[in-house]
Amino acid sequence: MSLDNLLKINQLQVHTATREATLRLLEAAKRNIADAHISAVSGK
């Protein structure tokens, strides 16, 4: 299924990200990667 098809059936929406939103996502990803390297965190 193509992206155009998903748009037509409303399973995908066009979104224009702001610089600030992109930076927030990148910071969250950095925190998640750093957290993944902590061995003292429980897997539960």
Protein backbone atom coordinates (compact mmCIF):
# COMPACT_ATOMS: atom_id res chain seq x y z
CA MET A 1 0.00 0.00 0.00
CA SER A 2 1.43 3.39 -0.94
CA LEU A 3 1.51 6.50 1.20
CA ASP A 4 -0.94 8.15 -1.19
CA ASN A 5 -3.41 5.32 -0.59
CA LEU A 6 -3.03 5.68 3.17
CA LEU A 7 -3.73 9.39 2.87
CA LYS A 8 -6.85 8.74 0.82
CA ILE A 9 -8.29 6.34 3.40
CA ASN A 10 -7.35 8.62 6.32
CA GLN A 11 -4.85 6.16 7.79
CA LEU A 12 -2.10 8.75 7.39
CA GLN A 13 -2.17 12.48 7.90
CA VAL A 14 0.08 15.18 6.47
CA HIS A 15 2.10 16.78 9.25
CA THR A 16 4.62 19.60 9.18
CA ALA A 17 6.92 19.44 12.17
CA THR A 18 8.32 22.53 13.82
CA ARG A 19 11.99 22.89 14.63
CA GLU A 20 11.15 22.89 18.35
CA ALA A 21 9.12 19.67 18.12
CA THR A 22 11.93 17.97 16.21
CA LEU A 23 14.49 19.05 18.81
CA ARG A 24 12.26 17.72 21.63
CA LEU A 25 12.03 14.35 19.87
CA LEU A 26 15.79 14.20 19.40
CA GLU A 27 16.39 15.03 23.07
CA ALA A 28 13.93 12.32 24.13
CA ALA A 29 15.72 9.82 21.89
CA LYS A 30 19.07 10.76 23.44
CA ARG A 31 17.63 10.23 26.94
CA ASN A 32 16.16 6.86 25.95
CA ILE A 33 19.47 5.71 24.48
CA ALA A 34 21.33 6.83 27.60
CA ASP A 35 18.78 5.05 29.81
CA ALA A 36 19.19 1.86 27.77
CA HIS A 37 22.86 1.72 28.77
CA ILE A 38 22.10 1.72 32.51
CA SER A 39 22.52 -1.84 33.76
CA ALA A 40 21.04 -1.16 37.23
CA VAL A 41 17.55 -0.58 35.83
CA SER A 42 15.13 -3.45 36.29
CA GLY A 43 13.78 -5.12 33.17
CA LYS A 44 10.29 -5.21 34.71
